[in-house]
Amino acid sequence: MTVRNSSMSKVSDENGIAPVVGTAVTIFIVFILAGLVSSVFFEEYGDSSHMGSSAAKLQIRFTEDLNSLEFEHGGGAQLFFDSSSLSVIMDINDASYRLNDSALGTLEAGEKKVLSLNESVKSELPAIELGQGDKVSVKVVDYESGALIAKSELEVKGQIVIVPEE
């Protein structure tokens, strides 16, 4: 009879492990799901391109006459375009053009400022012609931290001719 009792105790030990393993797996799954949900919910804050940079909501678009870019600061830290670390870069047809953005000065939350394309493109660059439907990418980059502050993909709604001033 002693043999029977020892085999019964082995069975009851194995049955006791199953609920513990099931509970551990359930807790593990809950932690994984919580991590996934929080990473999606806080995606903007976890983006490494915003780490160490000015946290600002910036919208960039063409003005109605298509000769300028409008910068609208929707909130966050001030942007100092007159500093050497912050730059506006315009990408057209796989070519990048650094714009003379010092005319924007300091942009504070709630402000809108306009940057004339003809006055902001350096004179050593060629004249640029864009037609309706062409794509232009405009980025604001903080060279000090290496961060991308804002990026806008713009579609040209008419004819644009950018002639750099001498």
C-alpha atoms as a PDB file:
ATOM      1  CA  MET A   1       0.000   0.000   0.000  1.00  0.00           C
ATOM      2  CA  THR A   2       2.869   2.362   0.445  1.00  0.00           C
ATOM      3  CA  VAL A   3       3.665   2.085  -3.251  1.00  0.00           C
ATOM      4  CA  ARG A   4       0.193   3.219  -4.171  1.00  0.00           C
ATOM      5  CA  ASN A   5       0.405   6.293  -1.966  1.00  0.00           C
ATOM      6  CA  SER A   6       3.736   7.387  -3.465  1.00  0.00           C
ATOM      7  CA  SER A   7       2.355   7.096  -7.013  1.00  0.00           C
ATOM      8  CA  MET A   8      -0.736   9.058  -5.991  1.00  0.00           C
ATOM      9  CA  SER A   9       1.428  11.828  -4.537  1.00  0.00           C
ATOM     10  CA  LYS A  10       3.317  12.111  -7.859  1.00  0.00           C
ATOM     11  CA  VAL A  11       0.054  12.550  -9.735  1.00  0.00           C
ATOM     12  CA  SER A  12      -1.160  15.229  -7.353  1.00  0.00           C
ATOM     13  CA  ASP A  13       2.220  17.084  -7.631  1.00  0.00           C
ATOM     14  CA  GLU A  14       1.909  17.126 -11.437  1.00  0.00           C
ATOM     15  CA  ASN A  15      -1.668  18.401 -11.232  1.00  0.00           C
ATOM     16  CA  GLY A  16      -0.505  21.184  -8.903  1.00  0.00           C
ATOM     17  CA  ILE A  17       2.073  22.446 -11.438  1.00  0.00           C
ATOM     18  CA  ALA A  18      -0.415  22.922 -14.307  1.00  0.00           C
ATOM     19  CA  PRO A  19      -2.411  25.775 -12.696  1.00  0.00           C
ATOM     20  CA  VAL A  20       0.818  27.552 -11.696  1.00  0.00           C
ATOM     21  CA  VAL A  21       2.211  27.339 -15.257  1.00  0.00           C
ATOM     22  CA  GLY A  22      -1.139  28.446 -16.683  1.00  0.00           C
ATOM     23  CA  THR A  23      -1.225  31.457 -14.360  1.00  0.00           C
ATOM     24  CA  ALA A  24       2.376  32.402 -15.238  1.00  0.00           C
ATOM     25  CA  VAL A  25       1.653  32.184 -18.973  1.00  0.00           C
ATOM     26  CA  THR A  26      -1.504  34.278 -18.570  1.00  0.00           C
ATOM     27  CA  ILE A  27       0.403  36.983 -16.652  1.00  0.00           C
ATOM     28  CA  PHE A  28       3.146  36.950 -19.314  1.00  0.00           C
ATOM     29  CA  ILE A  29       0.561  37.415 -22.098  1.00  0.00           C
ATOM     30  CA  VAL A  30      -1.101  40.280 -20.197  1.00  0.00           C
ATOM     31  CA  PHE A  31       2.261  42.077 -19.826  1.00  0.00           C
ATOM     32  CA  ILE A  32       3.043  41.620 -23.541  1.00  0.00           C
ATOM     33  CA  LEU A  33      -0.387  42.980 -24.549  1.00  0.00           C
ATOM     34  CA  ALA A  34      -0.040  45.926 -22.146  1.00  0.00           C
ATOM     35  CA  GLY A  35       3.357  46.730 -23.676  1.00  0.00           C
ATOM     36  CA  LEU A  36       2.001  46.591 -27.216  1.00  0.00           C
ATOM     37  CA  VAL A  37      -1.003  48.763 -26.404  1.00  0.00           C
ATOM     38  CA  SER A  38       1.117  51.365 -24.588  1.00  0.00           C
ATOM     39  CA  SER A  39       3.717  51.452 -27.389  1.00  0.00           C
ATOM     40  CA  VAL A  40       0.983  52.173 -29.947  1.00  0.00           C
ATOM     41  CA  PHE A  41      -0.723  54.713 -27.694  1.00  0.00           C
ATOM     42  CA  PHE A  42       2.528  56.547 -26.859  1.00  0.00           C
ATOM     43  CA  GLU A  43       4.135  56.090 -30.277  1.00  0.00           C
ATOM     44  CA  GLU A  44       4.865  59.810 -30.722  1.00  0.00           C
ATOM     45  CA  TYR A  45       6.737  60.005 -27.421  1.00  0.00           C
ATOM     46  CA  GLY A  46       8.815  56.912 -28.073  1.00  0.00           C
ATOM     47  CA  ASP A  47      10.011  58.007 -31.521  1.00  0.00           C
ATOM     48  CA  SER A  48      13.794  58.404 -31.338  1.00  0.00           C
ATOM     49  CA  SER A  49      13.765  61.228 -33.887  1.00  0.00           C
ATOM     50  CA  HIS A  50      12.133  63.468 -31.262  1.00  0.00           C
ATOM     51  CA  MET A  51      14.502  62.612 -28.424  1.00  0.00           C
ATOM     52  CA  GLY A  52      16.608  65.542 -27.287  1.00  0.00           C
ATOM     53  CA  SER A  53      14.960  67.944 -29.715  1.00  0.00           C
ATOM     54  CA  SER A  54      12.517  70.756 -29.379  1.00  0.00           C
ATOM     55  CA  ALA A  55       9.079  69.286 -28.880  1.00  0.00           C
ATOM     56  CA  ALA A  56       6.921  71.352 -31.217  1.00  0.00           C
ATOM     57  CA  LYS A  57       3.919  70.724 -33.420  1.00  0.00           C
ATOM     58  CA  LEU A  58       4.741  72.390 -36.706  1.00  0.00           C
ATOM     59  CA  GLN A  59       2.668  72.433 -39.890  1.00  0.00           C
ATOM     60  CA  ILE A  60       4.256  73.451 -43.173  1.00  0.00           C
ATOM     61  CA  ARG A  61       2.302  74.238 -46.335  1.00  0.00           C
ATOM     62  CA  PHE A  62       2.444  76.327 -49.500  1.00  0.00           C
ATOM     63  CA  THR A  63       0.791  79.746 -49.404  1.00  0.00           C
ATOM     64  CA  GLU A  64      -2.054  80.381 -51.870  1.00  0.00           C
ATOM     65  CA  ASP A  65       0.237  82.157 -54.348  1.00  0.00           C
ATOM     66  CA  LEU A  66       2.668  79.154 -54.212  1.00  0.00           C
ATOM     67  CA  ASN A  67       5.673  81.513 -53.866  1.00  0.00           C
ATOM     68  CA  SER A  68       6.174  80.937 -50.148  1.00  0.00           C
ATOM     69  CA  LEU A  69       5.998  78.361 -47.389  1.00  0.00           C
ATOM     70  CA  GLU A  70       3.817  78.972 -44.340  1.00  0.00           C
ATOM     71  CA  PHE A  71       5.002  77.644 -40.986  1.00  0.00           C
ATOM     72  CA  GLU A  72       2.317  77.296 -38.307  1.00  0.00           C
ATOM     73  CA  HIS A  73       3.446  76.486 -34.766  1.00  0.00           C
ATOM     74  CA  GLY A  74       0.652  74.435 -33.177  1.00  0.00           C
ATOM     75  CA  GLY A  75       2.190  74.185 -29.718  1.00  0.00           C
ATOM     76  CA  GLY A  76       5.268  73.202 -27.779  1.00  0.00           C
ATOM     77  CA  ALA A  77       8.718  74.712 -27.464  1.00  0.00           C
ATOM     78  CA  GLN A  78       9.878  77.835 -29.281  1.00  0.00           C
ATOM     79  CA  LEU A  79      11.785  77.274 -32.516  1.00  0.00           C
ATOM     80  CA  PHE A  80      14.830  79.472 -33.163  1.00  0.00           C
ATOM     81  CA  PHE A  81      15.312  79.586 -36.927  1.00  0.00           C
ATOM     82  CA  ASP A  82      17.894  82.350 -36.573  1.00  0.00           C
ATOM     83  CA  SER A  83      20.245  79.901 -34.798  1.00  0.00           C
ATOM     84  CA  SER A  84      22.778  77.831 -36.707  1.00  0.00           C
ATOM     85  CA  SER A  85      21.479  74.503 -35.369  1.00  0.00           C
ATOM     86  CA  LEU A  86      17.950  74.673 -36.851  1.00  0.00           C
ATOM     87  CA  SER A  87      17.511  74.434 -40.640  1.00  0.00           C
ATOM     88  CA  VAL A  88      14.755  74.118 -43.218  1.00  0.00           C
ATOM     89  CA  ILE A  89      15.561  71.687 -46.029  1.00  0.00           C
ATOM     90  CA  MET A  90      13.458  71.289 -49.161  1.00  0.00           C
ATOM     91  CA  ASP A  91      13.765  68.056 -51.172  1.00  0.00           C
ATOM     92  CA  ILE A  92      12.757  68.273 -54.836  1.00  0.00           C
ATOM     93  CA  ASN A  93      13.331  65.452 -57.333  1.00  0.00           C
ATOM     94  CA  ASP A  94      16.016  63.706 -55.225  1.00  0.00           C
ATOM     95  CA  ALA A  95      17.910  66.977 -54.654  1.00  0.00           C
ATOM     96  CA  SER A  96      18.082  68.747 -51.283  1.00  0.00           C
ATOM     97  CA  TYR A  97      18.125  72.517 -50.925  1.00  0.00           C
ATOM     98  CA  ARG A  98      18.927  74.199 -47.627  1.00  0.00           C
ATOM     99  CA  LEU A  99      16.787  77.295 -47.323  1.00  0.00           C
ATOM    100  CA  ASN A 100      17.824  80.571 -45.759  1.00  0.00           C
ATOM    101  CA  ASP A 101      15.354  80.381 -42.896  1.00  0.00           C
ATOM    102  CA  SER A 102      16.717  83.196 -40.729  1.00  0.00           C
ATOM    103  CA  ALA A 103      13.799  85.398 -41.870  1.00  0.00           C
ATOM    104  CA  LEU A 104      11.522  83.189 -39.738  1.00  0.00           C
ATOM    105  CA  GLY A 105      13.373  84.279 -36.585  1.00  0.00           C
ATOM    106  CA  THR A 106      11.830  82.835 -33.440  1.00  0.00           C
ATOM    107  CA  LEU A 107       8.570  80.960 -33.912  1.00  0.00           C
ATOM    108  CA  GLU A 108       6.404  80.634 -30.821  1.00  0.00           C
ATOM    109  CA  ALA A 109       3.325  78.520 -30.183  1.00  0.00           C
ATOM    110  CA  GLY A 110       0.274  79.881 -31.982  1.00  0.00           C
ATOM    111  CA  GLU A 111       2.299  81.919 -34.490  1.00  0.00           C
ATOM    112  CA  LYS A 112       2.320  81.687 -38.282  1.00  0.00           C
ATOM    113  CA  LYS A 113       5.228  82.948 -40.362  1.00  0.00           C
ATOM    114  CA  VAL A 114       5.889  82.919 -44.092  1.00  0.00           C
ATOM    115  CA  LEU A 115       9.182  82.136 -45.844  1.00  0.00           C
ATOM    116  CA  SER A 116       9.491  83.404 -49.422  1.00  0.00           C
ATOM    117  CA  LEU A 117      11.002  80.706 -51.633  1.00  0.00           C
ATOM    118  CA  ASN A 118      12.696  83.131 -54.042  1.00  0.00           C
ATOM    119  CA  GLU A 119      14.394  84.993 -51.198  1.00  0.00           C
ATOM    120  CA  SER A 120      15.353  81.899 -49.201  1.00  0.00           C
ATOM    121  CA  VAL A 121      17.066  79.792 -51.887  1.00  0.00           C
ATOM    122  CA  LYS A 122      20.768  80.552 -52.202  1.00  0.00           C
ATOM    123  CA  SER A 123      21.937  82.232 -55.400  1.00  0.00           C
ATOM    124  CA  GLU A 124      24.347  79.437 -56.362  1.00  0.00           C
ATOM    125  CA  LEU A 125      21.440  77.053 -56.931  1.00  0.00           C
ATOM    126  CA  PRO A 126      19.749  76.806 -60.332  1.00  0.00           C
ATOM    127  CA  ALA A 127      16.233  78.057 -61.023  1.00  0.00           C
ATOM    128  CA  ILE A 128      13.669  75.409 -60.121  1.00  0.00           C
ATOM    129  CA  GLU A 129      10.406  74.835 -61.991  1.00  0.00           C
ATOM    130  CA  LEU A 130       7.631  72.729 -60.507  1.00  0.00           C
ATOM    131  CA  GLY A 131       4.376  71.738 -62.146  1.00  0.00           C
ATOM    132  CA  GLN A 132       1.017  70.675 -60.842  1.00  0.00           C
ATOM    133  CA  GLY A 133       1.182  67.314 -59.062  1.00  0.00           C
ATOM    134  CA  ASP A 134       4.933  67.473 -58.323  1.00  0.00           C
ATOM    135  CA  LYS A 135       5.929  66.361 -54.833  1.00  0.00           C
ATOM    136  CA  VAL A 136       8.061  68.459 -52.497  1.00  0.00           C
ATOM    137  CA  SER A 137       9.295  67.424 -49.062  1.00  0.00           C
ATOM    138  CA  VAL A 138      10.070  70.127 -46.494  1.00  0.00           C
ATOM    139  CA  LYS A 139      11.943  69.211 -43.303  1.00  0.00           C
ATOM    140  CA  VAL A 140      12.952  71.157 -40.232  1.00  0.00           C
ATOM    141  CA  VAL A 141      16.106  69.616 -38.777  1.00  0.00           C
ATOM    142  CA  ASP A 142      17.928  70.323 -35.519  1.00  0.00           C
ATOM    143  CA  TYR A 143      21.600  69.659 -36.318  1.00  0.00           C
ATOM    144  CA  GLU A 144      22.669  70.028 -32.692  1.00  0.00           C
ATOM    145  CA  SER A 145      20.652  67.008 -31.547  1.00  0.00           C
ATOM    146  CA  GLY A 146      20.404  65.339 -34.959  1.00  0.00           C
ATOM    147  CA  ALA A 147      16.623  65.295 -34.652  1.00  0.00           C
ATOM    148  CA  LEU A 148      13.880  65.811 -37.189  1.00  0.00           C
ATOM    149  CA  ILE A 149      11.511  68.470 -35.804  1.00  0.00           C
ATOM    150  CA  ALA A 150       8.941  68.364 -38.617  1.00  0.00           C
ATOM    151  CA  LYS A 151       8.478  66.909 -42.081  1.00  0.00           C
ATOM    152  CA  SER A 152       5.746  67.741 -44.571  1.00  0.00           C
ATOM    153  CA  GLU A 153       5.081  66.073 -47.899  1.00  0.00           C
ATOM    154  CA  LEU A 154       3.548  68.736 -50.118  1.00  0.00           C
ATOM    155  CA  GLU A 155       1.900  68.464 -53.517  1.00  0.00           C
ATOM    156  CA  VAL A 156       2.187  71.385 -55.912  1.00  0.00           C
ATOM    157  CA  LYS A 157      -1.290  72.631 -56.884  1.00  0.00           C
ATOM    158  CA  GLY A 158      -0.137  74.844 -59.776  1.00  0.00           C
ATOM    159  CA  GLN A 159       2.996  76.187 -61.444  1.00  0.00           C
ATOM    160  CA  ILE A 160       5.948  77.265 -59.273  1.00  0.00           C
ATOM    161  CA  VAL A 161       9.135  78.904 -60.526  1.00  0.00           C
ATOM    162  CA  ILE A 162      11.799  79.480 -57.893  1.00  0.00           C
ATOM    163  CA  VAL A 163      14.484  81.903 -59.038  1.00  0.00           C
ATOM    164  CA  PRO A 164      17.192  82.522 -56.456  1.00  0.00           C
ATOM    165  CA  GLU A 165      17.909  86.185 -55.824  1.00  0.00           C
ATOM    166  CA  GLU A 166      21.417  87.403 -56.554  1.00  0.00           C
END
